[in-house]
N, C-alpha and C. Protein backbone atom coordinates (compact mmCIF):
# COMPACT_ATOMS: atom_id res chain seq x y z
N MET A 1 -15.85 -59.76 171.21
CA MET A 1 -14.84 -58.68 171.36
C MET A 1 -13.26 -58.68 172.17
N SER A 2 -12.45 -58.39 171.66
CA SER A 2 -11.38 -58.37 172.22
C SER A 2 -10.78 -57.38 172.65
N ARG A 3 -10.10 -57.44 174.08
CA ARG A 3 -9.47 -56.27 174.15
C ARG A 3 -8.09 -55.93 173.97
N LEU A 4 -7.85 -54.97 173.69
CA LEU A 4 -6.47 -54.24 172.99
C LEU A 4 -5.25 -54.88 174.16
N SER A 5 -4.54 -54.99 173.90
CA SER A 5 -3.31 -55.56 174.15
C SER A 5 -2.31 -54.52 174.46
N ASN A 6 -1.63 -54.20 175.19
CA ASN A 6 -0.40 -53.48 175.46
C ASN A 6 0.55 -53.47 174.37
N ALA A 7 0.82 -54.51 174.13
CA ALA A 7 1.85 -54.81 172.76
C ALA A 7 0.93 -54.04 171.90
N VAL A 8 -0.20 -54.18 171.44
CA VAL A 8 -0.91 -53.85 170.14
C VAL A 8 -1.04 -52.29 170.56
N ARG A 9 -1.04 -51.51 171.48
CA ARG A 9 -0.99 -50.38 171.95
C ARG A 9 0.44 -49.73 171.66
N GLU A 10 1.29 -50.57 171.86
CA GLU A 10 3.00 -49.95 171.69
C GLU A 10 3.10 -49.85 170.19
N LYS A 11 2.52 -50.72 169.44
CA LYS A 11 2.52 -50.78 168.10
C LYS A 11 1.65 -49.71 167.43
N MET A 12 0.57 -49.44 167.85
CA MET A 12 0.21 -48.15 167.12
C MET A 12 0.69 -46.95 167.54
N ALA A 13 1.43 -46.97 168.72
CA ALA A 13 2.21 -45.54 169.06
C ALA A 13 3.19 -45.66 168.37
N VAL A 14 4.33 -46.38 168.09
CA VAL A 14 5.34 -46.69 167.12
C VAL A 14 4.71 -45.99 165.65
N ALA A 15 3.86 -46.53 165.31
CA ALA A 15 3.05 -46.19 164.03
C ALA A 15 2.44 -44.66 163.64
N LEU A 16 2.19 -44.01 165.15
CA LEU A 16 1.55 -42.73 164.99
C LEU A 16 3.32 -41.97 165.03
N VAL A 17 3.94 -42.32 165.98
CA VAL A 17 5.34 -41.42 165.68
C VAL A 17 6.01 -41.69 164.49
N GLU A 18 5.80 -42.90 163.79
CA GLU A 18 6.71 -42.65 162.65
C GLU A 18 5.99 -42.12 161.71
N HIS A 19 4.70 -41.90 161.62
CA HIS A 19 3.84 -40.78 160.52
C HIS A 19 4.07 -39.35 161.07
N LYS A 20 4.12 -38.93 162.34
CA LYS A 20 4.24 -37.64 162.73
C LYS A 20 5.43 -36.95 162.66
N PHE A 21 6.71 -38.32 163.06
CA PHE A 21 7.96 -37.32 162.55
C PHE A 21 8.94 -37.96 161.26
N ALA A 22 7.86 -38.24 160.28
CA ALA A 22 8.63 -39.26 159.05
C ALA A 22 9.52 -37.73 158.30
N GLU A 23 8.74 -36.27 158.27
CA GLU A 23 9.19 -35.76 157.61
C GLU A 23 11.04 -35.18 157.65
N ARG A 24 10.46 -35.19 159.64
CA ARG A 24 11.93 -34.58 160.15
C ARG A 24 12.92 -35.36 159.98
N ALA A 25 12.75 -36.58 160.38
CA ALA A 25 13.73 -37.59 160.59
C ALA A 25 14.52 -37.99 158.77
N GLN A 26 13.27 -37.62 157.80
CA GLN A 26 14.02 -38.22 156.81
C GLN A 26 15.12 -37.07 156.08
N GLY A 27 14.36 -35.78 156.74
CA GLY A 27 15.59 -34.49 156.31
C GLY A 27 16.52 -34.94 157.16
N LEU A 28 16.52 -35.49 158.32
CA LEU A 28 17.67 -35.85 158.98
C LEU A 28 18.90 -36.77 157.98
N CYS A 29 18.25 -37.64 157.62
CA CYS A 29 18.73 -38.96 157.01
C CYS A 29 19.51 -38.22 155.21
N VAL A 30 18.74 -37.19 155.13
CA VAL A 30 19.14 -36.43 153.81
C VAL A 30 20.29 -35.69 154.44
N GLU A 31 20.06 -34.86 155.84
CA GLU A 31 21.72 -34.44 155.85
C GLU A 31 22.65 -35.30 156.07
N SER A 32 22.49 -36.45 156.71
CA SER A 32 23.48 -37.49 156.76
C SER A 32 24.17 -37.62 156.05
N VAL A 33 23.86 -37.85 154.93
CA VAL A 33 24.09 -38.39 153.62
C VAL A 33 24.76 -37.24 152.97
N ALA A 34 24.54 -36.34 153.06
CA ALA A 34 25.06 -35.10 152.59
C ALA A 34 26.57 -34.78 153.41
N LEU A 35 26.65 -34.66 154.48
CA LEU A 35 27.26 -34.73 155.58
C LEU A 35 28.55 -35.33 155.20
N PHE A 36 28.22 -36.81 154.68
CA PHE A 36 29.31 -38.01 154.79
C PHE A 36 29.97 -37.49 153.55
N GLN A 37 28.79 -36.70 152.30
CA GLN A 37 29.98 -36.35 151.32
C GLN A 37 30.56 -35.51 151.32
N ALA A 38 30.29 -34.08 152.09
CA ALA A 38 30.95 -33.11 152.11
C ALA A 38 32.33 -33.59 153.06
N VAL A 39 31.98 -34.47 154.05
CA VAL A 39 33.61 -34.96 154.75
C VAL A 39 34.33 -35.47 154.23
N TYR A 40 33.97 -36.35 153.16
CA TYR A 40 34.71 -37.26 152.27
C TYR A 40 35.67 -36.33 151.63
N ASP A 41 34.69 -35.52 150.64
CA ASP A 41 35.47 -34.47 149.66
C ASP A 41 36.68 -33.81 150.68
N ASP A 42 36.33 -33.76 151.67
CA ASP A 42 37.18 -32.79 152.60
C ASP A 42 38.21 -33.61 152.83
N LEU A 43 38.30 -34.97 153.16
CA LEU A 43 39.48 -35.67 153.47
C LEU A 43 40.08 -35.89 152.02
N TYR A 44 39.34 -36.16 151.07
CA TYR A 44 39.91 -36.80 149.57
C TYR A 44 39.52 -35.95 148.83
N ASP A 45 40.23 -34.95 148.05
CA ASP A 45 40.08 -34.36 147.14
C ASP A 45 40.00 -34.98 145.55
N ALA A 46 39.29 -34.46 144.58
CA ALA A 46 38.73 -35.21 143.52
C ALA A 46 39.88 -35.93 142.76
N ALA A 47 41.27 -35.46 142.92
CA ALA A 47 42.56 -36.06 142.42
C ALA A 47 42.56 -37.60 142.81
N MET A 48 42.86 -37.20 144.21
CA MET A 48 42.42 -38.61 144.99
C MET A 48 41.48 -39.44 144.91
N GLN A 49 40.28 -39.21 145.05
CA GLN A 49 39.06 -40.20 145.06
C GLN A 49 39.59 -40.88 143.19
N LYS A 50 39.79 -40.18 142.52
CA LYS A 50 39.64 -40.75 141.01
C LYS A 50 41.21 -41.67 141.59
N THR A 51 42.54 -41.29 141.72
CA THR A 51 43.59 -42.42 142.08
C THR A 51 42.97 -43.66 143.00
N MET A 52 42.03 -43.68 144.11
CA MET A 52 41.92 -44.34 144.75
C MET A 52 40.78 -45.31 144.16
N ALA A 53 39.86 -44.59 143.35
CA ALA A 53 38.92 -45.32 142.31
C ALA A 53 39.42 -46.48 141.36
N ALA A 54 40.96 -45.82 141.05
CA ALA A 54 41.45 -46.78 139.68
C ALA A 54 42.49 -48.06 140.43
N LEU A 55 42.90 -47.41 141.86
CA LEU A 55 43.50 -48.19 142.76
C LEU A 55 42.65 -49.62 143.01
N GLN A 56 41.42 -49.00 143.35
CA GLN A 56 40.49 -50.41 143.65
C GLN A 56 39.87 -51.12 142.88
N LYS A 57 39.88 -50.49 141.63
CA LYS A 57 39.59 -51.50 140.54
C LYS A 57 40.58 -52.84 140.38
N LYS A 58 41.86 -52.23 140.53
CA LYS A 58 42.88 -53.31 140.26
C LYS A 58 42.99 -54.44 141.45
N GLY A 59 42.30 -54.21 142.49
CA GLY A 59 42.20 -54.84 143.75
C GLY A 59 41.87 -54.04 145.26
N ARG A 60 41.70 -54.96 145.85
CA ARG A 60 41.31 -54.40 147.04
C ARG A 60 42.25 -53.59 147.86
N ALA A 61 42.51 -52.74 147.44
CA ALA A 61 43.50 -51.56 147.93
C ALA A 61 43.28 -50.62 149.07
N PHE A 62 41.78 -50.56 149.57
CA PHE A 62 41.58 -50.13 150.74
C PHE A 62 40.24 -50.62 151.02
N GLY A 63 40.18 -50.25 152.42
CA GLY A 63 38.68 -50.77 153.09
C GLY A 63 37.79 -50.05 152.55
N THR A 64 36.75 -50.12 152.50
CA THR A 64 35.47 -49.24 152.30
C THR A 64 34.40 -48.92 153.59
N ASN A 65 33.82 -48.34 153.63
CA ASN A 65 32.67 -48.19 154.43
C ASN A 65 31.42 -46.88 154.06
N THR A 66 30.18 -47.17 154.98
CA THR A 66 29.46 -46.03 153.91
C THR A 66 28.81 -45.10 155.29
N LYS A 67 29.99 -44.95 156.25
CA LYS A 67 29.75 -44.23 157.40
C LYS A 67 30.99 -43.83 157.62
N LEU A 68 31.12 -42.33 158.26
CA LEU A 68 32.20 -41.78 159.02
C LEU A 68 32.21 -41.43 160.23
N SER A 69 32.74 -41.59 161.31
CA SER A 69 32.61 -41.14 162.68
C SER A 69 33.25 -39.77 162.80
N VAL A 70 32.68 -38.57 163.25
CA VAL A 70 33.44 -37.60 163.35
C VAL A 70 33.25 -36.75 164.96
N ASN A 71 34.06 -36.09 165.11
CA ASN A 71 34.14 -35.41 166.15
C ASN A 71 33.91 -34.13 165.94
N ALA A 72 33.10 -33.33 166.44
CA ALA A 72 32.88 -32.04 165.93
C ALA A 72 32.64 -31.39 167.33
N ARG A 73 33.44 -30.44 167.87
CA ARG A 73 33.29 -29.66 168.92
C ARG A 73 32.83 -30.58 170.41
N GLY A 74 33.12 -31.74 170.49
CA GLY A 74 32.64 -32.18 171.56
C GLY A 74 31.51 -33.36 171.09
N TYR A 75 30.90 -33.21 170.00
CA TYR A 75 30.01 -34.41 169.87
C TYR A 75 30.67 -35.15 168.87
N ASN A 76 30.38 -36.71 169.28
CA ASN A 76 30.99 -37.96 168.27
C ASN A 76 29.92 -38.16 167.48
N ILE A 77 29.69 -37.76 166.07
CA ILE A 77 28.79 -38.23 165.40
C ILE A 77 29.28 -39.09 164.54
N ASP A 78 27.77 -39.94 163.96
CA ASP A 78 28.23 -40.93 163.03
C ASP A 78 27.37 -40.29 162.00
N ILE A 79 28.17 -40.19 160.51
CA ILE A 79 27.77 -39.45 159.28
C ILE A 79 27.37 -40.80 158.35
N GLY A 80 26.47 -40.34 157.12
CA GLY A 80 26.41 -41.40 156.16
C GLY A 80 25.23 -42.16 156.21
N ALA A 81 25.79 -43.93 155.93
CA ALA A 81 24.55 -44.91 156.55
C ALA A 81 24.34 -45.11 157.66
N ILE A 82 22.96 -44.55 158.53
CA ILE A 82 23.10 -44.33 159.84
C ILE A 82 21.59 -44.85 159.70
N ARG A 83 21.05 -44.98 161.02
CA ARG A 83 19.67 -45.11 161.74
C ARG A 83 19.44 -44.51 162.84
N ILE A 84 18.47 -43.60 162.57
CA ILE A 84 17.72 -42.80 163.55
C ILE A 84 16.63 -43.86 163.94
N ALA A 85 17.03 -44.20 165.57
CA ALA A 85 16.18 -44.89 166.04
C ALA A 85 15.74 -44.88 167.62
N HIS A 86 14.38 -44.94 167.94
CA HIS A 86 14.16 -44.44 169.25
C HIS A 86 13.75 -45.70 169.76
N ARG A 87 13.97 -46.04 170.85
CA ARG A 87 13.65 -47.00 171.90
C ARG A 87 12.46 -47.83 171.85
N SER A 88 11.74 -47.20 171.25
CA SER A 88 10.08 -47.44 171.07
C SER A 88 10.18 -48.71 170.17
N GLY A 89 11.12 -48.54 169.20
CA GLY A 89 11.31 -49.28 167.81
C GLY A 89 10.47 -48.80 166.41
N ALA A 90 10.22 -47.10 166.75
CA ALA A 90 10.26 -45.90 165.63
C ALA A 90 11.65 -45.95 164.72
N GLU A 91 12.09 -45.83 163.84
CA GLU A 91 13.06 -45.96 163.36
C GLU A 91 13.13 -45.59 161.86
N TRP A 92 14.08 -44.87 161.56
CA TRP A 92 14.48 -44.17 159.84
C TRP A 92 15.94 -44.39 159.31
N SER A 93 16.33 -44.94 158.18
CA SER A 93 17.43 -45.25 157.69
C SER A 93 17.98 -44.32 156.47
N ALA A 94 19.25 -44.29 156.56
CA ALA A 94 19.92 -43.18 155.76
C ALA A 94 20.77 -44.26 154.75
N GLU A 95 20.93 -43.93 153.53
CA GLU A 95 21.68 -45.00 152.87
C GLU A 95 22.80 -44.45 151.90
N THR A 96 24.11 -44.86 152.02
CA THR A 96 25.08 -44.50 151.17
C THR A 96 25.69 -45.39 150.26
N GLU A 97 26.19 -45.14 149.24
CA GLU A 97 27.11 -46.36 148.75
C GLU A 97 28.54 -46.25 149.30
N TYR A 98 29.11 -47.65 149.38
CA TYR A 98 30.35 -48.07 149.93
C TYR A 98 31.73 -46.92 149.23
N ARG A 99 32.47 -46.47 149.95
CA ARG A 99 33.60 -45.46 149.51
C ARG A 99 34.69 -46.21 150.14
N PRO A 100 35.75 -46.23 149.08
CA PRO A 100 37.28 -46.22 149.62
C PRO A 100 37.47 -45.21 150.61
N MET A 101 38.54 -45.83 151.71
CA MET A 101 38.81 -44.75 152.34
C MET A 101 40.48 -45.16 153.26
N PHE A 102 40.84 -44.67 153.61
CA PHE A 102 42.10 -44.72 154.66
C PHE A 102 41.99 -45.55 155.61
N HIS A 103 42.86 -46.56 156.42
CA HIS A 103 42.08 -47.28 157.41
C HIS A 103 42.11 -46.18 158.50
N GLN A 104 42.95 -44.89 158.89
CA GLN A 104 42.72 -44.24 160.24
C GLN A 104 41.22 -43.80 159.96
N HIS A 105 40.57 -43.23 158.75
CA HIS A 105 39.60 -42.75 158.82
C HIS A 105 38.36 -43.41 159.00
N ARG A 106 38.31 -44.90 159.10
CA ARG A 106 37.48 -45.91 159.09
C ARG A 106 37.30 -46.29 161.11
N GLN A 107 38.03 -45.40 161.49
CA GLN A 107 38.66 -45.35 162.91
C GLN A 107 37.35 -44.39 163.77
N TYR A 108 37.61 -44.45 164.86
CA TYR A 108 36.72 -43.46 165.96
C TYR A 108 37.69 -42.41 166.32
N GLY A 109 37.50 -41.47 166.30
CA GLY A 109 38.13 -39.82 166.73
C GLY A 109 39.44 -39.58 166.08
N GLU A 110 39.23 -40.36 164.93
CA GLU A 110 40.30 -39.48 163.90
C GLU A 110 39.94 -38.64 163.08
N ILE A 111 38.84 -38.24 162.74
CA ILE A 111 38.59 -37.11 161.99
C ILE A 111 37.63 -36.01 163.09
N SER A 112 38.24 -34.94 163.24
CA SER A 112 37.81 -33.69 163.80
C SER A 112 37.88 -32.36 163.40
N TYR A 113 36.61 -31.75 163.37
CA TYR A 113 36.59 -30.49 163.23
C TYR A 113 36.17 -29.36 164.47
N ALA A 114 36.97 -28.47 164.64
CA ALA A 114 36.43 -27.64 165.86
C ALA A 114 36.14 -26.24 165.41
N ASP A 115 35.79 -25.76 164.07
CA ASP A 115 35.08 -24.74 163.58
C ASP A 115 35.23 -25.00 162.21
N GLY A 116 34.28 -23.86 161.44
CA GLY A 116 34.25 -23.96 160.28
C GLY A 116 33.03 -24.09 159.67
N LEU A 117 32.71 -24.02 158.51
CA LEU A 117 31.49 -24.80 158.13
C LEU A 117 30.53 -25.73 158.69
N LEU A 118 31.79 -26.62 158.11
CA LEU A 118 31.37 -28.27 158.54
C LEU A 118 31.02 -28.54 159.83
N ALA A 119 32.04 -28.05 160.56
CA ALA A 119 31.90 -27.97 162.34
C ALA A 119 30.39 -27.67 162.51
N ASN A 120 29.84 -26.41 161.91
CA ASN A 120 28.72 -25.98 162.09
C ASN A 120 27.40 -27.03 162.10
N ARG A 121 27.52 -27.76 160.92
CA ARG A 121 26.57 -28.64 160.18
C ARG A 121 26.39 -29.71 160.88
N LEU A 122 27.95 -30.26 161.40
CA LEU A 122 28.14 -31.62 162.12
C LEU A 122 26.99 -31.20 163.53
N GLU A 123 27.57 -29.92 164.06
CA GLU A 123 27.03 -29.75 165.09
C GLU A 123 25.28 -29.78 165.29
N ALA A 124 25.34 -28.70 164.39
CA ALA A 124 23.66 -28.73 164.02
C ALA A 124 22.78 -29.77 164.06
N PHE A 125 23.60 -30.55 162.70
CA PHE A 125 22.94 -32.32 163.17
C PHE A 125 22.73 -32.82 164.18
N ALA A 126 23.91 -33.05 164.91
CA ALA A 126 23.71 -33.59 166.05
C ALA A 126 22.63 -33.13 167.34
N ASP A 127 22.57 -31.54 166.90
CA ASP A 127 21.58 -31.32 168.29
C ASP A 127 20.05 -31.45 167.53
N ASP A 128 19.98 -31.48 166.20
CA ASP A 128 18.73 -31.76 165.61
C ASP A 128 18.20 -33.14 165.97
N ARG A 129 19.11 -34.09 165.69
CA ARG A 129 18.94 -35.34 165.91
C ARG A 129 18.66 -35.73 167.53
N LYS A 130 19.08 -35.22 168.37
CA LYS A 130 19.16 -35.42 169.94
C LYS A 130 17.43 -34.70 169.86
N SER A 131 17.15 -33.61 170.05
CA SER A 131 15.52 -32.93 169.74
C SER A 131 14.69 -33.60 169.22
N LEU A 132 15.39 -34.41 168.06
CA LEU A 132 14.01 -35.20 167.40
C LEU A 132 13.66 -36.48 168.14
N ILE A 133 14.91 -37.02 168.87
CA ILE A 133 14.58 -38.23 169.76
C ILE A 133 13.77 -37.75 171.09
N GLU A 134 14.19 -36.44 171.69
CA GLU A 134 13.30 -36.26 172.83
C GLU A 134 11.81 -36.19 172.61
N ASP A 135 11.68 -35.35 171.35
CA ASP A 135 10.60 -34.97 170.89
C ASP A 135 9.72 -36.34 170.56
N ILE A 136 10.27 -37.29 170.33
CA ILE A 136 9.55 -38.44 169.95
C ILE A 136 9.16 -39.13 171.63
N ASP A 137 10.08 -39.19 172.39
CA ASP A 137 9.69 -39.64 173.51
C ASP A 137 8.70 -39.07 174.25
N VAL A 138 8.47 -37.85 173.93
CA VAL A 138 7.07 -36.91 174.80
C VAL A 138 5.56 -37.25 173.65
N ALA A 139 6.12 -37.83 172.22
CA ALA A 139 4.86 -37.85 171.46
C ALA A 139 4.65 -39.44 171.57
N TYR A 140 5.59 -40.06 171.88
CA TYR A 140 4.92 -41.44 172.47
C TYR A 140 4.24 -41.54 173.40
N ARG A 141 4.63 -41.04 174.47
CA ARG A 141 4.22 -41.40 176.15
C ARG A 141 2.30 -40.62 175.76
N LYS A 142 2.46 -39.59 175.05
CA LYS A 142 1.34 -39.09 174.76
C LYS A 142 0.62 -40.01 173.70
N ALA A 143 0.85 -40.74 172.63
CA ALA A 143 0.27 -41.83 172.04
C ALA A 143 -0.34 -43.23 173.10
N MET A 144 0.85 -43.29 173.66
CA MET A 144 0.34 -44.56 174.61
C MET A 144 -1.05 -43.90 175.54
N GLY A 145 -0.81 -42.82 176.12
CA GLY A 145 -1.53 -42.31 177.04
C GLY A 145 -3.16 -42.61 176.76
N THR A 146 -3.50 -41.87 175.28
CA THR A 146 -4.43 -41.85 174.45
C THR A 146 -4.71 -42.96 173.97
N LEU A 147 -4.20 -43.96 173.54
CA LEU A 147 -4.57 -45.43 173.34
C LEU A 147 -5.23 -46.06 174.87
N ALA A 148 -4.73 -45.54 175.59
CA ALA A 148 -4.84 -46.54 176.94
C ALA A 148 -6.40 -46.14 177.56
N GLN A 149 -6.32 -45.20 177.09
CA GLN A 149 -8.37 -44.56 177.13
C GLN A 149 -9.41 -45.60 176.23
N PHE A 150 -8.72 -46.69 175.11
CA PHE A 150 -10.03 -47.52 174.56
C PHE A 150 -9.44 -48.89 174.95
N SER A 151 -10.93 -49.52 175.34
CA SER A 151 -10.27 -51.05 175.90
C SER A 151 -10.20 -52.10 174.68
N THR A 152 -10.85 -51.45 173.63
CA THR A 152 -11.33 -52.67 172.42
C THR A 152 -11.02 -51.71 171.07
N GLY A 153 -10.44 -52.57 170.32
CA GLY A 153 -10.17 -52.26 168.98
C GLY A 153 -11.65 -51.47 168.13
N LYS A 154 -13.01 -51.80 168.71
CA LYS A 154 -14.23 -51.10 168.27
C LYS A 154 -14.42 -50.25 168.67
N LYS A 155 -13.83 -49.78 170.29
CA LYS A 155 -14.10 -48.52 170.79
C LYS A 155 -12.84 -47.63 170.24
N LEU A 156 -12.09 -48.16 169.94
CA LEU A 156 -10.89 -47.23 169.33
C LEU A 156 -11.40 -46.43 167.80
N ALA A 157 -11.85 -47.56 167.12
CA ALA A 157 -12.12 -47.40 165.36
C ALA A 157 -13.69 -46.33 165.57
N ALA A 158 -14.43 -46.46 166.78
CA ALA A 158 -15.51 -45.46 166.83
C ALA A 158 -15.34 -44.93 167.30
N GLU A 159 -14.23 -44.32 168.06
CA GLU A 159 -14.20 -43.15 168.75
C GLU A 159 -12.62 -42.18 168.16
N TRP A 160 -12.16 -42.70 167.36
CA TRP A 160 -10.81 -41.85 166.79
C TRP A 160 -10.74 -42.53 165.48
N PRO A 161 -11.68 -42.36 164.77
CA PRO A 161 -11.79 -42.47 163.39
C PRO A 161 -10.72 -42.04 162.18
N GLU A 162 -9.82 -40.67 162.51
CA GLU A 162 -8.85 -39.76 162.00
C GLU A 162 -7.69 -40.76 162.11
N ALA A 163 -7.44 -41.51 163.22
CA ALA A 163 -6.28 -42.46 163.12
C ALA A 163 -6.50 -43.69 162.36
N MET A 164 -7.17 -43.75 161.79
CA MET A 164 -7.46 -45.40 161.66
C MET A 164 -6.62 -45.64 160.43
N PRO A 165 -6.49 -44.55 159.34
CA PRO A 165 -5.44 -44.64 158.44
C PRO A 165 -4.13 -44.93 158.67
N ILE A 166 -3.73 -44.84 159.89
CA ILE A 166 -2.30 -45.32 160.35
C ILE A 166 -2.45 -46.44 161.49
N ILE A 167 -3.42 -46.42 162.21
CA ILE A 167 -3.25 -47.77 163.34
C ILE A 167 -4.22 -48.95 162.54
N GLY A 168 -4.86 -48.43 162.19
CA GLY A 168 -6.25 -49.55 161.92
C GLY A 168 -6.14 -50.87 161.51
N LYS A 169 -5.27 -51.22 161.04
CA LYS A 169 -4.24 -52.15 160.20
C LYS A 169 -4.38 -53.04 161.35
N LEU A 170 -3.65 -52.17 162.42
CA LEU A 170 -3.12 -53.20 163.75
C LEU A 170 -4.28 -53.53 164.96
N ILE A 171 -5.58 -53.12 164.65
CA ILE A 171 -7.06 -53.83 165.39
C ILE A 171 -7.21 -54.79 164.60
N PRO A 172 -7.63 -56.27 165.63
CA PRO A 172 -7.56 -57.26 165.22
C PRO A 172 -9.02 -57.18 164.47
N GLU A 173 -8.98 -58.13 163.10
CA GLU A 173 -9.71 -58.03 161.84
C GLU A 173 -11.17 -57.90 163.25
N ASP A 174 -11.87 -58.90 163.74
CA ASP A 174 -12.99 -59.09 164.36
C ASP A 174 -13.32 -57.70 164.85
N ASP A 175 -12.62 -56.81 165.22
CA ASP A 175 -12.97 -55.82 166.52
C ASP A 175 -12.88 -54.57 165.87
N ARG A 176 -12.92 -54.19 164.07
CA ARG A 176 -13.20 -53.14 163.69
C ARG A 176 -14.51 -52.59 163.56
N THR A 177 -14.59 -51.58 163.29
CA THR A 177 -15.91 -51.01 163.41
C THR A 177 -16.21 -49.56 162.32
N VAL A 178 -16.93 -48.89 162.14
CA VAL A 178 -17.19 -47.79 161.18
C VAL A 178 -16.73 -46.92 162.49
N PRO A 179 -16.09 -45.87 161.95
CA PRO A 179 -15.58 -44.72 163.14
C PRO A 179 -16.87 -43.41 162.74
N VAL A 180 -16.89 -43.08 164.12
CA VAL A 180 -18.30 -41.90 164.44
C VAL A 180 -17.58 -40.39 165.08
N ILE A 181 -16.44 -40.54 166.13
CA ILE A 181 -16.36 -39.58 166.59
C ILE A 181 -14.75 -38.66 166.51
N GLN A 182 -14.52 -37.62 166.90
CA GLN A 182 -13.15 -36.78 166.86
C GLN A 182 -12.44 -36.85 167.57
N LEU A 183 -11.29 -36.92 168.15
CA LEU A 183 -10.70 -36.26 168.67
C LEU A 183 -9.30 -35.47 168.34
N ALA A 184 -10.24 -34.07 168.68
CA ALA A 184 -9.30 -32.86 167.76
C ALA A 184 -7.95 -32.88 167.93
N ALA A 185 -7.56 -32.63 168.91
CA ALA A 185 -6.54 -31.96 169.75
C ALA A 185 -5.61 -32.78 169.53
N ILE A 186 -5.84 -34.37 169.74
CA ILE A 186 -4.16 -35.11 169.44
C ILE A 186 -4.32 -35.71 167.88
N ASN A 187 -5.43 -35.41 166.96
CA ASN A 187 -5.32 -35.27 165.47
C ASN A 187 -4.48 -34.10 164.87
N ALA A 188 -4.61 -33.02 165.10
CA ALA A 188 -3.85 -32.03 165.03
C ALA A 188 -2.45 -32.42 165.39
N ASP A 189 -2.01 -32.62 166.45
CA ASP A 189 -0.71 -32.73 166.95
C ASP A 189 -0.23 -33.96 166.29
N PHE A 190 -0.96 -35.16 165.92
CA PHE A 190 -0.28 -36.05 164.98
C PHE A 190 -0.35 -35.74 163.83
N GLY A 191 -0.66 -34.91 163.23
CA GLY A 191 -1.24 -34.50 161.46
C GLY A 191 -2.14 -35.61 161.16
N LEU A 192 -3.16 -36.15 161.62
CA LEU A 192 -4.14 -36.76 161.21
C LEU A 192 -5.24 -35.99 160.35
N PRO A 193 -5.66 -36.62 159.47
CA PRO A 193 -6.60 -35.65 158.70
C PRO A 193 -8.23 -35.58 159.44
N PRO A 194 -9.00 -34.84 159.14
CA PRO A 194 -10.18 -34.62 159.59
C PRO A 194 -11.21 -35.62 159.00
N SER A 195 -12.37 -36.53 160.37
CA SER A 195 -12.96 -37.06 159.28
C SER A 195 -13.68 -36.97 158.11
N GLU A 196 -14.00 -35.63 157.98
CA GLU A 196 -14.89 -35.13 156.35
C GLU A 196 -13.72 -35.82 155.30
N GLN A 197 -12.45 -35.61 155.66
CA GLN A 197 -11.57 -35.64 154.46
C GLN A 197 -11.77 -37.22 154.01
N LEU A 198 -11.93 -38.28 155.48
CA LEU A 198 -11.76 -39.93 155.29
C LEU A 198 -13.05 -39.93 154.52
N ALA A 199 -14.04 -39.66 154.60
CA ALA A 199 -15.16 -39.52 154.19
C ALA A 199 -15.22 -39.33 153.05
N ALA A 200 -14.96 -38.79 152.32
CA ALA A 200 -14.89 -38.21 150.89
C ALA A 200 -14.37 -39.08 149.71
């Protein structure tokens, strides 16, 4: 029977927070892409985009990028193809296609919104992203504190069965066992299913 290393616990904590915050983070990724498109459409109307696309086909007329850096009410915000990452290693990615754009729009500080609907959305996006990272901080510490109570993989599997679908694969093969006990409060916090569902 081997003892759980801190490195294994850290990987487990990352898996738990990625599970807990997946929906919120993916929602922010979707909004990042939508904001990229909205700002791009604001910078270049339909006729301009058509002209740029035609010129781009004839040769490399414009630089391209998958993200824009925007200033909105004092926030410096990257939108488009971004990574939402936490220092623990938890991360999610948003993807967009490369779009042609003028040189100045590929520089920091050249796109700014002080008011209007786009400014509101950009500010809300920045606030939501900051709030997500803060909430991940709290949850990661809680996960590490909970995992620290288990000295071995067998003890962890036996006493926290609801977490096994998320972190079970990180327990060394020879240290796995059949789960038997519940940790109701932490399960609810991380959105883990009741053990009765696992047995079904």
